[in-house]
All heavy atoms as atom14 arrays in JSON, in Angstrom:
{
  "sequence": "QVQDLKTSQAVMQAELMGAQSTQAATEAGHAATNAATAAGTWSTMIAG",
  "atom14_mask": [
    [1, 1, 1, 1, 1, 1, 1, 1, 1, 0, 0, 0, 0, 0],
    [1, 1, 1, 1, 1, 1, 1, 0, 0, 0, 0, 0, 0, 0],
    [1, 1, 1, 1, 1, 1, 1, 1, 1, 0, 0, 0, 0, 0],
    [1, 1, 1, 1, 1, 1, 1, 1, 0, 0, 0, 0, 0, 0],
    [1, 1, 1, 1, 1, 1, 1, 1, 0, 0, 0, 0, 0, 0],
    [1, 1, 1, 1, 1, 1, 1, 1, 1, 0, 0, 0, 0, 0],
    [1, 1, 1, 1, 1, 1, 1, 0, 0, 0, 0, 0, 0, 0],
    [1, 1, 1, 1, 1, 1, 0, 0, 0, 0, 0, 0, 0, 0],
    [1, 1, 1, 1, 1, 1, 1, 1, 1, 0, 0, 0, 0, 0],
    [1, 1, 1, 1, 1, 0, 0, 0, 0, 0, 0, 0, 0, 0],
    [1, 1, 1, 1, 1, 1, 1, 0, 0, 0, 0, 0, 0, 0],
    [1, 1, 1, 1, 1, 1, 1, 1, 0, 0, 0, 0, 0, 0],
    [1, 1, 1, 1, 1, 1, 1, 1, 1, 0, 0, 0, 0, 0],
    [1, 1, 1, 1, 1, 0, 0, 0, 0, 0, 0, 0, 0, 0],
    [1, 1, 1, 1, 1, 1, 1, 1, 1, 0, 0, 0, 0, 0],
    [1, 1, 1, 1, 1, 1, 1, 1, 0, 0, 0, 0, 0, 0],
    [1, 1, 1, 1, 1, 1, 1, 1, 0, 0, 0, 0, 0, 0],
    [1, 1, 1, 1, 0, 0, 0, 0, 0, 0, 0, 0, 0, 0],
    [1, 1, 1, 1, 1, 0, 0, 0, 0, 0, 0, 0, 0, 0],
    [1, 1, 1, 1, 1, 1, 1, 1, 1, 0, 0, 0, 0, 0],
    [1, 1, 1, 1, 1, 1, 0, 0, 0, 0, 0, 0, 0, 0],
    [1, 1, 1, 1, 1, 1, 1, 0, 0, 0, 0, 0, 0, 0],
    [1, 1, 1, 1, 1, 1, 1, 1, 1, 0, 0, 0, 0, 0],
    [1, 1, 1, 1, 1, 0, 0, 0, 0, 0, 0, 0, 0, 0],
    [1, 1, 1, 1, 1, 0, 0, 0, 0, 0, 0, 0, 0, 0],
    [1, 1, 1, 1, 1, 1, 1, 0, 0, 0, 0, 0, 0, 0],
    [1, 1, 1, 1, 1, 1, 1, 1, 1, 0, 0, 0, 0, 0],
    [1, 1, 1, 1, 1, 0, 0, 0, 0, 0, 0, 0, 0, 0],
    [1, 1, 1, 1, 0, 0, 0, 0, 0, 0, 0, 0, 0, 0],
    [1, 1, 1, 1, 1, 1, 1, 1, 1, 1, 0, 0, 0, 0],
    [1, 1, 1, 1, 1, 0, 0, 0, 0, 0, 0, 0, 0, 0],
    [1, 1, 1, 1, 1, 0, 0, 0, 0, 0, 0, 0, 0, 0],
    [1, 1, 1, 1, 1, 1, 1, 0, 0, 0, 0, 0, 0, 0],
    [1, 1, 1, 1, 1, 1, 1, 1, 0, 0, 0, 0, 0, 0],
    [1, 1, 1, 1, 1, 0, 0, 0, 0, 0, 0, 0, 0, 0],
    [1, 1, 1, 1, 1, 0, 0, 0, 0, 0, 0, 0, 0, 0],
    [1, 1, 1, 1, 1, 1, 1, 0, 0, 0, 0, 0, 0, 0],
    [1, 1, 1, 1, 1, 0, 0, 0, 0, 0, 0, 0, 0, 0],
    [1, 1, 1, 1, 1, 0, 0, 0, 0, 0, 0, 0, 0, 0],
    [1, 1, 1, 1, 0, 0, 0, 0, 0, 0, 0, 0, 0, 0],
    [1, 1, 1, 1, 1, 1, 1, 0, 0, 0, 0, 0, 0, 0],
    [1, 1, 1, 1, 1, 1, 1, 1, 1, 1, 1, 1, 1, 1],
    [1, 1, 1, 1, 1, 1, 0, 0, 0, 0, 0, 0, 0, 0],
    [1, 1, 1, 1, 1, 1, 1, 0, 0, 0, 0, 0, 0, 0],
    [1, 1, 1, 1, 1, 1, 1, 1, 0, 0, 0, 0, 0, 0],
    [1, 1, 1, 1, 1, 1, 1, 1, 0, 0, 0, 0, 0, 0],
    [1, 1, 1, 1, 1, 0, 0, 0, 0, 0, 0, 0, 0, 0],
    [1, 1, 1, 1, 0, 0, 0, 0, 0, 0, 0, 0, 0, 0]
  ],
  "atom14_positions": [
    [[154.77, 218.64, -49.59], [153.21, 218.81, -49.53], [152.55, 218.36, -50.67], [151.52, 217.59, -50.68], [152.8, 220.17, -49.16], [153.02, 220.62, -47.7], [152.73, 222.04, -47.39], [152.41, 222.79, -48.28], [152.88, 222.46, -46.16], [0.0, 0.0, 0.0], [0.0, 0.0, 0.0], [0.0, 0.0, 0.0], [0.0, 0.0, 0.0], [0.0, 0.0, 0.0]],
    [[153.18, 218.66, -51.99], [152.67, 218.25, -53.23], [152.72, 216.74, -53.22], [151.78, 216.07, -53.78], [153.42, 218.89, -54.38], [153.06, 218.29, -55.71], [153.13, 220.32, -54.43], [0.0, 0.0, 0.0], [0.0, 0.0, 0.0], [0.0, 0.0, 0.0], [0.0, 0.0, 0.0], [0.0, 0.0, 0.0], [0.0, 0.0, 0.0], [0.0, 0.0, 0.0]],
    [[153.75, 216.08, -52.89], [153.87, 214.64, -52.88], [152.85, 213.98, -51.97], [152.31, 212.96, -52.33], [155.38, 214.22, -52.58], [155.61, 212.76, -52.72], [155.37, 212.33, -54.04], [155.74, 212.99, -54.94], [154.91, 211.09, -54.24], [0.0, 0.0, 0.0], [0.0, 0.0, 0.0], [0.0, 0.0, 0.0], [0.0, 0.0, 0.0], [0.0, 0.0, 0.0]],
    [[152.77, 214.58, -50.73], [151.71, 214.08, -49.87], [150.3, 214.15, -50.48], [149.46, 213.23, -50.28], [151.76, 214.81, -48.42], [153.0, 214.46, -47.71], [153.72, 213.55, -48.09], [153.31, 215.22, -46.78], [0.0, 0.0, 0.0], [0.0, 0.0, 0.0], [0.0, 0.0, 0.0], [0.0, 0.0, 0.0], [0.0, 0.0, 0.0], [0.0, 0.0, 0.0]],
    [[150.01, 215.26, -50.97], [148.73, 215.34, -51.69], [148.41, 214.45, -52.82], [147.37, 213.91, -52.99], [148.49, 216.81, -52.15], [148.32, 217.87, -51.11], [148.32, 219.26, -51.76], [147.04, 217.68, -50.32], [0.0, 0.0, 0.0], [0.0, 0.0, 0.0], [0.0, 0.0, 0.0], [0.0, 0.0, 0.0], [0.0, 0.0, 0.0], [0.0, 0.0, 0.0]],
    [[149.5, 214.19, -53.58], [149.5, 213.19, -54.65], [149.17, 211.78, -54.11], [148.29, 211.01, -54.53], [150.71, 213.21, -55.46], [150.83, 214.3, -56.5], [152.07, 214.31, -57.28], [152.22, 215.38, -58.25], [153.52, 215.42, -58.88], [0.0, 0.0, 0.0], [0.0, 0.0, 0.0], [0.0, 0.0, 0.0], [0.0, 0.0, 0.0], [0.0, 0.0, 0.0]],
    [[149.87, 211.48, -53.07], [149.72, 210.13, -52.43], [148.25, 210.12, -51.88], [147.5, 209.09, -52.01], [150.76, 210.05, -51.23], [152.03, 210.08, -51.83], [150.54, 208.56, -50.68], [0.0, 0.0, 0.0], [0.0, 0.0, 0.0], [0.0, 0.0, 0.0], [0.0, 0.0, 0.0], [0.0, 0.0, 0.0], [0.0, 0.0, 0.0], [0.0, 0.0, 0.0]],
    [[147.81, 211.17, -51.26], [146.43, 211.12, -50.55], [145.48, 210.99, -51.7], [144.36, 210.25, -51.57], [146.18, 212.46, -49.77], [144.99, 212.5, -49.23], [0.0, 0.0, 0.0], [0.0, 0.0, 0.0], [0.0, 0.0, 0.0], [0.0, 0.0, 0.0], [0.0, 0.0, 0.0], [0.0, 0.0, 0.0], [0.0, 0.0, 0.0], [0.0, 0.0, 0.0]],
    [[145.74, 211.67, -52.82], [144.68, 211.67, -53.87], [144.63, 210.27, -54.51], [143.51, 209.74, -54.95], [145.0, 212.66, -54.95], [143.98, 212.73, -56.03], [144.33, 213.78, -57.07], [145.52, 214.28, -57.14], [143.33, 214.24, -57.82], [0.0, 0.0, 0.0], [0.0, 0.0, 0.0], [0.0, 0.0, 0.0], [0.0, 0.0, 0.0], [0.0, 0.0, 0.0]],
    [[145.74, 209.5, -54.69], [145.79, 208.14, -55.19], [145.1, 207.15, -54.23], [144.36, 206.43, -54.64], [147.21, 207.88, -55.43], [0.0, 0.0, 0.0], [0.0, 0.0, 0.0], [0.0, 0.0, 0.0], [0.0, 0.0, 0.0], [0.0, 0.0, 0.0], [0.0, 0.0, 0.0], [0.0, 0.0, 0.0], [0.0, 0.0, 0.0], [0.0, 0.0, 0.0]],
    [[145.27, 207.45, -52.88], [144.56, 206.56, -52.05], [143.01, 206.81, -52.1], [142.28, 205.83, -52.03], [145.17, 206.83, -50.53], [144.22, 206.14, -49.48], [146.57, 206.37, -50.45], [0.0, 0.0, 0.0], [0.0, 0.0, 0.0], [0.0, 0.0, 0.0], [0.0, 0.0, 0.0], [0.0, 0.0, 0.0], [0.0, 0.0, 0.0], [0.0, 0.0, 0.0]],
    [[142.7, 208.05, -52.12], [141.17, 208.29, -52.14], [140.65, 207.67, -53.5], [139.4, 207.2, -53.46], [140.98, 209.75, -52.17], [141.16, 210.31, -50.71], [141.13, 212.12, -50.79], [139.71, 212.62, -51.61], [0.0, 0.0, 0.0], [0.0, 0.0, 0.0], [0.0, 0.0, 0.0], [0.0, 0.0, 0.0], [0.0, 0.0, 0.0], [0.0, 0.0, 0.0]],
    [[141.45, 207.86, -54.56], [140.92, 207.24, -55.86], [140.79, 205.74, -55.68], [139.75, 205.18, -56.19], [141.8, 207.69, -56.98], [141.21, 207.27, -58.3], [142.11, 207.76, -59.48], [143.21, 208.19, -59.13], [141.56, 207.8, -60.64], [0.0, 0.0, 0.0], [0.0, 0.0, 0.0], [0.0, 0.0, 0.0], [0.0, 0.0, 0.0], [0.0, 0.0, 0.0]],
    [[141.77, 205.03, -55.14], [141.64, 203.61, -55.01], [140.48, 203.26, -54.13], [139.82, 202.22, -54.41], [142.95, 203.15, -54.39], [0.0, 0.0, 0.0], [0.0, 0.0, 0.0], [0.0, 0.0, 0.0], [0.0, 0.0, 0.0], [0.0, 0.0, 0.0], [0.0, 0.0, 0.0], [0.0, 0.0, 0.0], [0.0, 0.0, 0.0], [0.0, 0.0, 0.0]],
    [[140.28, 203.97, -52.97], [139.07, 203.7, -52.18], [137.83, 203.84, -52.89], [136.87, 203.12, -52.68], [139.1, 204.69, -50.84], [140.26, 204.27, -49.98], [140.27, 205.31, -48.8], [139.6, 206.37, -48.85], [141.02, 205.09, -47.83], [0.0, 0.0, 0.0], [0.0, 0.0, 0.0], [0.0, 0.0, 0.0], [0.0, 0.0, 0.0], [0.0, 0.0, 0.0]],
    [[137.74, 204.88, -53.73], [136.47, 205.08, -54.6], [136.29, 203.99, -55.46], [135.14, 203.53, -55.66], [136.57, 206.46, -55.34], [135.42, 206.77, -56.16], [134.23, 206.91, -55.33], [135.65, 208.06, -56.98], [0.0, 0.0, 0.0], [0.0, 0.0, 0.0], [0.0, 0.0, 0.0], [0.0, 0.0, 0.0], [0.0, 0.0, 0.0], [0.0, 0.0, 0.0]],
    [[137.39, 203.56, -56.13], [137.19, 202.4, -57.02], [136.78, 201.15, -56.34], [135.93, 200.38, -56.91], [138.5, 202.17, -57.8], [138.88, 203.21, -58.88], [140.47, 203.07, -59.54], [140.23, 201.7, -60.65], [0.0, 0.0, 0.0], [0.0, 0.0, 0.0], [0.0, 0.0, 0.0], [0.0, 0.0, 0.0], [0.0, 0.0, 0.0], [0.0, 0.0, 0.0]],
    [[137.24, 200.99, -55.05], [136.86, 199.77, -54.32], [135.31, 199.77, -53.91], [134.7, 198.89, -53.96], [0.0, 0.0, 0.0], [0.0, 0.0, 0.0], [0.0, 0.0, 0.0], [0.0, 0.0, 0.0], [0.0, 0.0, 0.0], [0.0, 0.0, 0.0], [0.0, 0.0, 0.0], [0.0, 0.0, 0.0], [0.0, 0.0, 0.0], [0.0, 0.0, 0.0]],
    [[134.96, 201.15, -53.51], [133.61, 201.37, -53.13], [132.68, 201.11, -54.45], [131.61, 200.48, -54.18], [133.39, 202.68, -52.58], [0.0, 0.0, 0.0], [0.0, 0.0, 0.0], [0.0, 0.0, 0.0], [0.0, 0.0, 0.0], [0.0, 0.0, 0.0], [0.0, 0.0, 0.0], [0.0, 0.0, 0.0], [0.0, 0.0, 0.0], [0.0, 0.0, 0.0]],
    [[133.07, 201.55, -55.56], [132.33, 201.27, -56.81], [132.22, 199.75, -57.04], [131.1, 199.2, -57.53], [132.8, 202.02, -57.96], [132.63, 203.52, -57.82], [133.35, 204.35, -58.82], [134.34, 203.87, -59.54], [132.98, 205.56, -59.06], [0.0, 0.0, 0.0], [0.0, 0.0, 0.0], [0.0, 0.0, 0.0], [0.0, 0.0, 0.0], [0.0, 0.0, 0.0]],
    [[133.35, 199.06, -56.92], [133.31, 197.64, -57.19], [132.47, 196.92, -56.15], [131.6, 196.03, -56.48], [134.81, 197.03, -56.98], [135.55, 197.57, -57.97], [0.0, 0.0, 0.0], [0.0, 0.0, 0.0], [0.0, 0.0, 0.0], [0.0, 0.0, 0.0], [0.0, 0.0, 0.0], [0.0, 0.0, 0.0], [0.0, 0.0, 0.0], [0.0, 0.0, 0.0]],
    [[132.34, 197.27, -54.93], [131.6, 196.72, -53.85], [130.11, 197.1, -54.21], [129.32, 196.11, -54.07], [131.94, 197.35, -52.44], [133.24, 197.1, -52.15], [131.06, 196.75, -51.39], [0.0, 0.0, 0.0], [0.0, 0.0, 0.0], [0.0, 0.0, 0.0], [0.0, 0.0, 0.0], [0.0, 0.0, 0.0], [0.0, 0.0, 0.0], [0.0, 0.0, 0.0]],
    [[129.76, 198.25, -54.71], [128.46, 198.49, -55.01], [127.93, 197.63, -56.16], [126.73, 197.26, -56.22], [128.36, 199.99, -55.35], [126.87, 200.49, -55.73], [126.82, 201.98, -55.88], [127.74, 202.68, -55.88], [125.53, 202.34, -56.3], [0.0, 0.0, 0.0], [0.0, 0.0, 0.0], [0.0, 0.0, 0.0], [0.0, 0.0, 0.0], [0.0, 0.0, 0.0]],
    [[128.81, 197.64, -57.22], [128.44, 196.73, -58.34], [128.23, 195.32, -58.02], [127.34, 194.64, -58.42], [129.55, 196.84, -59.47], [0.0, 0.0, 0.0], [0.0, 0.0, 0.0], [0.0, 0.0, 0.0], [0.0, 0.0, 0.0], [0.0, 0.0, 0.0], [0.0, 0.0, 0.0], [0.0, 0.0, 0.0], [0.0, 0.0, 0.0], [0.0, 0.0, 0.0]],
    [[129.07, 194.71, -57.09], [128.88, 193.31, -56.61], [127.56, 193.28, -55.72], [126.84, 192.22, -55.92], [130.01, 192.99, -55.68], [0.0, 0.0, 0.0], [0.0, 0.0, 0.0], [0.0, 0.0, 0.0], [0.0, 0.0, 0.0], [0.0, 0.0, 0.0], [0.0, 0.0, 0.0], [0.0, 0.0, 0.0], [0.0, 0.0, 0.0], [0.0, 0.0, 0.0]],
    [[127.25, 194.24, -54.94], [126.1, 194.25, -54.16], [124.84, 194.3, -55.13], [123.91, 193.56, -54.92], [125.93, 195.44, -53.21], [127.14, 195.4, -52.38], [124.72, 195.42, -52.34], [0.0, 0.0, 0.0], [0.0, 0.0, 0.0], [0.0, 0.0, 0.0], [0.0, 0.0, 0.0], [0.0, 0.0, 0.0], [0.0, 0.0, 0.0], [0.0, 0.0, 0.0]],
    [[124.82, 195.11, -56.14], [123.7, 195.17, -57.11], [123.59, 193.86, -57.89], [122.48, 193.42, -58.07], [123.91, 196.21, -58.11], [123.72, 197.61, -57.35], [124.07, 198.87, -58.18], [124.44, 198.71, -59.44], [123.93, 200.0, -57.79], [0.0, 0.0, 0.0], [0.0, 0.0, 0.0], [0.0, 0.0, 0.0], [0.0, 0.0, 0.0], [0.0, 0.0, 0.0]],
    [[124.76, 193.16, -58.19], [124.72, 191.87, -58.95], [124.03, 190.92, -58.06], [123.23, 189.99, -58.52], [126.03, 191.65, -59.4], [0.0, 0.0, 0.0], [0.0, 0.0, 0.0], [0.0, 0.0, 0.0], [0.0, 0.0, 0.0], [0.0, 0.0, 0.0], [0.0, 0.0, 0.0], [0.0, 0.0, 0.0], [0.0, 0.0, 0.0], [0.0, 0.0, 0.0]],
    [[124.51, 190.92, -56.78], [123.94, 189.92, -55.8], [122.41, 190.09, -55.67], [121.61, 189.17, -55.46], [0.0, 0.0, 0.0], [0.0, 0.0, 0.0], [0.0, 0.0, 0.0], [0.0, 0.0, 0.0], [0.0, 0.0, 0.0], [0.0, 0.0, 0.0], [0.0, 0.0, 0.0], [0.0, 0.0, 0.0], [0.0, 0.0, 0.0], [0.0, 0.0, 0.0]],
    [[122.01, 191.41, -55.52], [120.57, 191.7, -55.42], [119.73, 191.16, -56.59], [118.77, 190.57, -56.49], [120.44, 193.22, -55.19], [119.01, 193.58, -55.18], [118.24, 193.38, -54.03], [118.2, 194.4, -55.91], [117.06, 193.75, -54.11], [117.01, 194.42, -55.4], [0.0, 0.0, 0.0], [0.0, 0.0, 0.0], [0.0, 0.0, 0.0], [0.0, 0.0, 0.0]],
    [[120.31, 191.44, -57.8], [119.66, 190.95, -59.07], [119.57, 189.32, -59.05], [118.52, 188.79, -59.45], [120.39, 191.42, -60.37], [0.0, 0.0, 0.0], [0.0, 0.0, 0.0], [0.0, 0.0, 0.0], [0.0, 0.0, 0.0], [0.0, 0.0, 0.0], [0.0, 0.0, 0.0], [0.0, 0.0, 0.0], [0.0, 0.0, 0.0], [0.0, 0.0, 0.0]],
    [[120.58, 188.73, -58.64], [120.71, 187.2, -58.51], [119.71, 186.75, -57.59], [118.98, 185.67, -57.8], [122.09, 186.72, -58.27], [0.0, 0.0, 0.0], [0.0, 0.0, 0.0], [0.0, 0.0, 0.0], [0.0, 0.0, 0.0], [0.0, 0.0, 0.0], [0.0, 0.0, 0.0], [0.0, 0.0, 0.0], [0.0, 0.0, 0.0], [0.0, 0.0, 0.0]],
    [[119.63, 187.38, -56.45], [118.69, 187.09, -55.45], [117.28, 187.07, -55.94], [116.49, 186.27, -55.67], [118.9, 187.77, -54.15], [120.23, 187.68, -53.6], [117.9, 187.37, -52.98], [0.0, 0.0, 0.0], [0.0, 0.0, 0.0], [0.0, 0.0, 0.0], [0.0, 0.0, 0.0], [0.0, 0.0, 0.0], [0.0, 0.0, 0.0], [0.0, 0.0, 0.0]],
    [[116.9, 188.26, -56.52], [115.62, 188.43, -57.09], [115.28, 187.39, -58.2], [114.21, 186.81, -58.14], [115.56, 189.83, -57.76], [115.37, 190.95, -56.63], [114.98, 190.67, -55.52], [115.56, 192.02, -57.05], [0.0, 0.0, 0.0], [0.0, 0.0, 0.0], [0.0, 0.0, 0.0], [0.0, 0.0, 0.0], [0.0, 0.0, 0.0], [0.0, 0.0, 0.0]],
    [[116.21, 187.08, -59.0], [116.02, 186.04, -59.97], [115.7, 184.62, -59.41], [114.91, 183.96, -59.87], [117.18, 186.01, -60.98], [0.0, 0.0, 0.0], [0.0, 0.0, 0.0], [0.0, 0.0, 0.0], [0.0, 0.0, 0.0], [0.0, 0.0, 0.0], [0.0, 0.0, 0.0], [0.0, 0.0, 0.0], [0.0, 0.0, 0.0], [0.0, 0.0, 0.0]],
    [[116.6, 184.37, -58.44], [116.38, 183.13, -57.71], [114.94, 183.0, -56.99], [114.43, 181.88, -56.91], [117.52, 182.91, -56.78], [0.0, 0.0, 0.0], [0.0, 0.0, 0.0], [0.0, 0.0, 0.0], [0.0, 0.0, 0.0], [0.0, 0.0, 0.0], [0.0, 0.0, 0.0], [0.0, 0.0, 0.0], [0.0, 0.0, 0.0], [0.0, 0.0, 0.0]],
    [[114.62, 184.14, -56.48], [113.38, 184.23, -55.69], [112.17, 183.96, -56.69], [111.26, 183.21, -56.48], [113.19, 185.48, -54.95], [114.21, 185.63, -54.03], [111.89, 185.63, -54.2], [0.0, 0.0, 0.0], [0.0, 0.0, 0.0], [0.0, 0.0, 0.0], [0.0, 0.0, 0.0], [0.0, 0.0, 0.0], [0.0, 0.0, 0.0], [0.0, 0.0, 0.0]],
    [[112.24, 184.61, -57.86], [111.19, 184.58, -58.84], [111.18, 183.05, -59.44], [110.1, 182.42, -59.49], [111.43, 185.53, -59.99], [0.0, 0.0, 0.0], [0.0, 0.0, 0.0], [0.0, 0.0, 0.0], [0.0, 0.0, 0.0], [0.0, 0.0, 0.0], [0.0, 0.0, 0.0], [0.0, 0.0, 0.0], [0.0, 0.0, 0.0], [0.0, 0.0, 0.0]],
    [[112.39, 182.43, -59.68], [112.43, 181.14, -60.06], [111.89, 180.08, -59.07], [111.17, 179.23, -59.47], [113.82, 180.76, -60.56], [0.0, 0.0, 0.0], [0.0, 0.0, 0.0], [0.0, 0.0, 0.0], [0.0, 0.0, 0.0], [0.0, 0.0, 0.0], [0.0, 0.0, 0.0], [0.0, 0.0, 0.0], [0.0, 0.0, 0.0], [0.0, 0.0, 0.0]],
    [[112.2, 180.43, -57.82], [111.69, 179.51, -56.78], [110.19, 179.54, -56.71], [109.5, 178.63, -56.45], [0.0, 0.0, 0.0], [0.0, 0.0, 0.0], [0.0, 0.0, 0.0], [0.0, 0.0, 0.0], [0.0, 0.0, 0.0], [0.0, 0.0, 0.0], [0.0, 0.0, 0.0], [0.0, 0.0, 0.0], [0.0, 0.0, 0.0], [0.0, 0.0, 0.0]],
    [[109.71, 180.89, -56.82], [108.25, 181.04, -56.74], [107.44, 180.47, -57.81], [106.46, 179.73, -57.61], [107.92, 182.62, -56.73], [108.59, 183.22, -55.64], [106.44, 182.92, -56.72], [0.0, 0.0, 0.0], [0.0, 0.0, 0.0], [0.0, 0.0, 0.0], [0.0, 0.0, 0.0], [0.0, 0.0, 0.0], [0.0, 0.0, 0.0], [0.0, 0.0, 0.0]],
    [[108.1, 180.59, -59.06], [107.36, 179.86, -60.15], [107.46, 178.36, -60.04], [106.47, 177.64, -60.37], [107.99, 180.36, -61.56], [107.52, 181.68, -61.86], [108.08, 182.9, -61.85], [106.13, 181.93, -62.42], [107.24, 183.81, -62.27], [106.07, 183.25, -62.57], [105.09, 181.18, -62.63], [104.89, 184.01, -63.14], [103.89, 181.77, -63.19], [103.85, 183.26, -63.28]],
    [[108.63, 177.85, -59.66], [108.76, 176.39, -59.56], [107.87, 175.98, -58.43], [107.26, 174.82, -58.65], [110.18, 176.0, -59.31], [110.64, 176.49, -58.05], [0.0, 0.0, 0.0], [0.0, 0.0, 0.0], [0.0, 0.0, 0.0], [0.0, 0.0, 0.0], [0.0, 0.0, 0.0], [0.0, 0.0, 0.0], [0.0, 0.0, 0.0], [0.0, 0.0, 0.0]],
    [[107.65, 176.62, -57.38], [106.76, 176.12, -56.36], [105.41, 176.19, -56.84], [104.55, 175.24, -56.51], [106.9, 177.07, -55.09], [108.32, 177.0, -54.71], [106.05, 176.68, -53.92], [0.0, 0.0, 0.0], [0.0, 0.0, 0.0], [0.0, 0.0, 0.0], [0.0, 0.0, 0.0], [0.0, 0.0, 0.0], [0.0, 0.0, 0.0], [0.0, 0.0, 0.0]],
    [[104.97, 177.15, -57.51], [103.59, 177.29, -58.06], [103.26, 176.12, -59.04], [102.22, 175.46, -59.02], [103.33, 178.64, -58.63], [103.28, 179.75, -57.73], [102.78, 181.36, -58.27], [102.78, 181.37, -59.94], [0.0, 0.0, 0.0], [0.0, 0.0, 0.0], [0.0, 0.0, 0.0], [0.0, 0.0, 0.0], [0.0, 0.0, 0.0], [0.0, 0.0, 0.0]],
    [[104.33, 175.82, -59.97], [104.09, 174.75, -60.82], [104.06, 173.44, -60.15], [103.2, 172.59, -60.44], [105.25, 174.8, -61.94], [105.14, 175.99, -62.83], [105.29, 173.47, -62.77], [106.19, 176.2, -63.75], [0.0, 0.0, 0.0], [0.0, 0.0, 0.0], [0.0, 0.0, 0.0], [0.0, 0.0, 0.0], [0.0, 0.0, 0.0], [0.0, 0.0, 0.0]],
    [[104.83, 173.2, -59.22], [104.75, 171.92, -58.4], [103.46, 171.82, -57.63], [102.85, 170.71, -57.63], [105.99, 171.86, -57.4], [0.0, 0.0, 0.0], [0.0, 0.0, 0.0], [0.0, 0.0, 0.0], [0.0, 0.0, 0.0], [0.0, 0.0, 0.0], [0.0, 0.0, 0.0], [0.0, 0.0, 0.0], [0.0, 0.0, 0.0], [0.0, 0.0, 0.0]],
    [[103.04, 172.97, -57.07], [101.66, 172.95, -56.36], [100.58, 172.61, -57.37], [99.7, 171.87, -56.97], [0.0, 0.0, 0.0], [0.0, 0.0, 0.0], [0.0, 0.0, 0.0], [0.0, 0.0, 0.0], [0.0, 0.0, 0.0], [0.0, 0.0, 0.0], [0.0, 0.0, 0.0], [0.0, 0.0, 0.0], [0.0, 0.0, 0.0], [0.0, 0.0, 0.0]]
  ]
}
């Protein structure tokens, strides 16, 4: 039972790390999208 709990805990920790990595990637993508949108907006206004 102790070994099973250790294994379960290791799996849960790995899943948590994966979720945190996914969240960080999502936030980075969101920031990049916002930056690209702002750059596109400014370049469109300058061209106009």
